[in-house]
């Protein structure tokens, strides 16, 4: 939950590997990266996020802005203990 929105994410890969955050384009969701997951997860811990109002994520109460979406990504990283990405 971030500013009234439920932010959905998909995780794959080893927890000790460097973290790679995958952000989709407008109108898509985390599944646009499905073909790359197996290859990338061999080297990275993947966090594929459905942006606010996309895929399984809800809009919430905050206005939809680039800044709000960046704060959502930081909140997901903090919640998952992602550290640097």
Protein backbone atom coordinates (compact mmCIF):
# COMPACT_ATOMS: atom_id res chain seq x y z
CA UNK A 1 0.00 0.00 0.00
CA UNK A 2 1.38 3.39 -1.06
CA UNK A 3 -0.65 6.60 -0.72
CA UNK A 4 -3.89 4.64 -0.84
CA UNK A 5 -2.89 2.41 -3.77
CA UNK A 6 -2.09 -1.29 -3.78
CA UNK A 7 1.07 -1.59 -5.89
CA UNK A 8 1.51 -5.03 -7.45
CA UNK A 9 4.92 -6.46 -8.28
CA UNK A 10 6.41 -9.69 -9.60
CA UNK A 11 9.65 -11.05 -8.13
CA UNK A 12 12.09 -13.50 -9.70
CA UNK A 13 15.74 -14.33 -9.17
CA UNK A 14 18.16 -14.69 -6.29
CA UNK A 15 17.90 -12.35 -3.32
CA UNK A 16 21.69 -11.92 -3.17
CA UNK A 17 21.96 -10.84 -6.83
CA UNK A 18 21.92 -7.18 -7.88
CA UNK A 19 18.37 -5.84 -8.17
CA UNK A 20 16.93 -4.91 -11.56
CA UNK A 21 13.66 -2.96 -11.47
CA UNK A 22 11.49 -3.37 -14.56
CA UNK A 23 9.09 -0.52 -15.37
CA UNK A 24 6.60 -0.92 -18.20
CA UNK A 25 5.28 1.72 -20.57
CA UNK A 26 1.90 3.44 -20.41
CA UNK A 27 -1.03 1.07 -20.89
CA UNK A 28 1.05 -2.06 -20.19
CA UNK A 29 1.84 -4.05 -17.06
CA UNK A 30 4.71 -6.18 -15.70
CA UNK A 31 3.93 -9.00 -18.14
CA UNK A 32 5.50 -7.09 -21.05
CA UNK A 33 8.86 -8.43 -19.75
CA UNK A 34 7.85 -12.12 -19.58
CA UNK A 35 10.16 -13.21 -22.40
CA UNK A 36 13.20 -11.73 -20.63
CA UNK A 37 12.50 -13.01 -17.08
CA UNK A 38 14.28 -16.36 -17.35
CA UNK A 39 17.46 -14.92 -18.89
CA UNK A 40 17.67 -11.83 -16.66
CA UNK A 41 16.84 -13.71 -13.45
CA UNK A 42 20.04 -15.76 -13.84
CA UNK A 43 22.04 -12.59 -13.09
CA UNK A 44 19.59 -10.31 -11.29
CA UNK A 45 16.89 -10.22 -8.67
CA UNK A 46 13.98 -8.92 -10.77
CA UNK A 47 11.27 -6.64 -9.42
CA UNK A 48 8.69 -5.99 -12.14
CA UNK A 49 6.18 -3.39 -10.94
CA UNK A 50 2.69 -2.64 -12.20
CA UNK A 51 2.57 1.15 -12.12
CA UNK A 52 -0.26 2.86 -10.26
CA UNK A 53 -3.50 2.31 -12.16
CA UNK A 54 -1.98 -0.36 -14.45
CA UNK A 55 -2.24 -4.15 -14.34
CA UNK A 56 -3.11 -5.37 -10.85
CA UNK A 57 -2.18 -2.05 -9.15
CA UNK A 58 -4.96 0.30 -8.07
CA UNK A 59 -5.10 4.08 -8.59
CA UNK A 60 -5.38 5.01 -4.91
CA UNK A 61 -6.06 8.49 -3.59
CA UNK A 62 -3.05 10.46 -4.85
CA UNK A 63 -3.02 12.22 -8.23
CA UNK A 64 -1.24 10.25 -10.95
CA UNK A 65 2.06 12.05 -11.61
CA UNK A 66 5.56 10.98 -12.59
CA UNK A 67 6.74 12.00 -9.10
CA UNK A 68 4.05 9.89 -7.44
CA UNK A 69 5.00 6.89 -9.59
CA UNK A 70 8.68 7.34 -8.66
CA UNK A 71 7.71 7.42 -4.98
CA UNK A 72 5.75 4.19 -5.54
CA UNK A 73 8.88 2.50 -6.91
CA UNK A 74 10.92 3.67 -3.89
CA UNK A 75 8.23 2.39 -1.54
CA UNK A 76 8.27 -1.03 -3.22
CA UNK A 77 12.06 -1.18 -2.96
CA UNK A 78 11.94 -0.20 0.70
CA UNK A 79 9.23 -2.78 1.45
CA UNK A 80 11.22 -5.54 -0.26
CA UNK A 81 14.58 -4.52 1.14
CA UNK A 82 15.77 -3.88 -2.41
CA UNK A 83 18.48 -1.36 -1.54
CA UNK A 84 20.20 -0.13 -4.69
CA UNK A 85 18.70 -1.01 -8.05
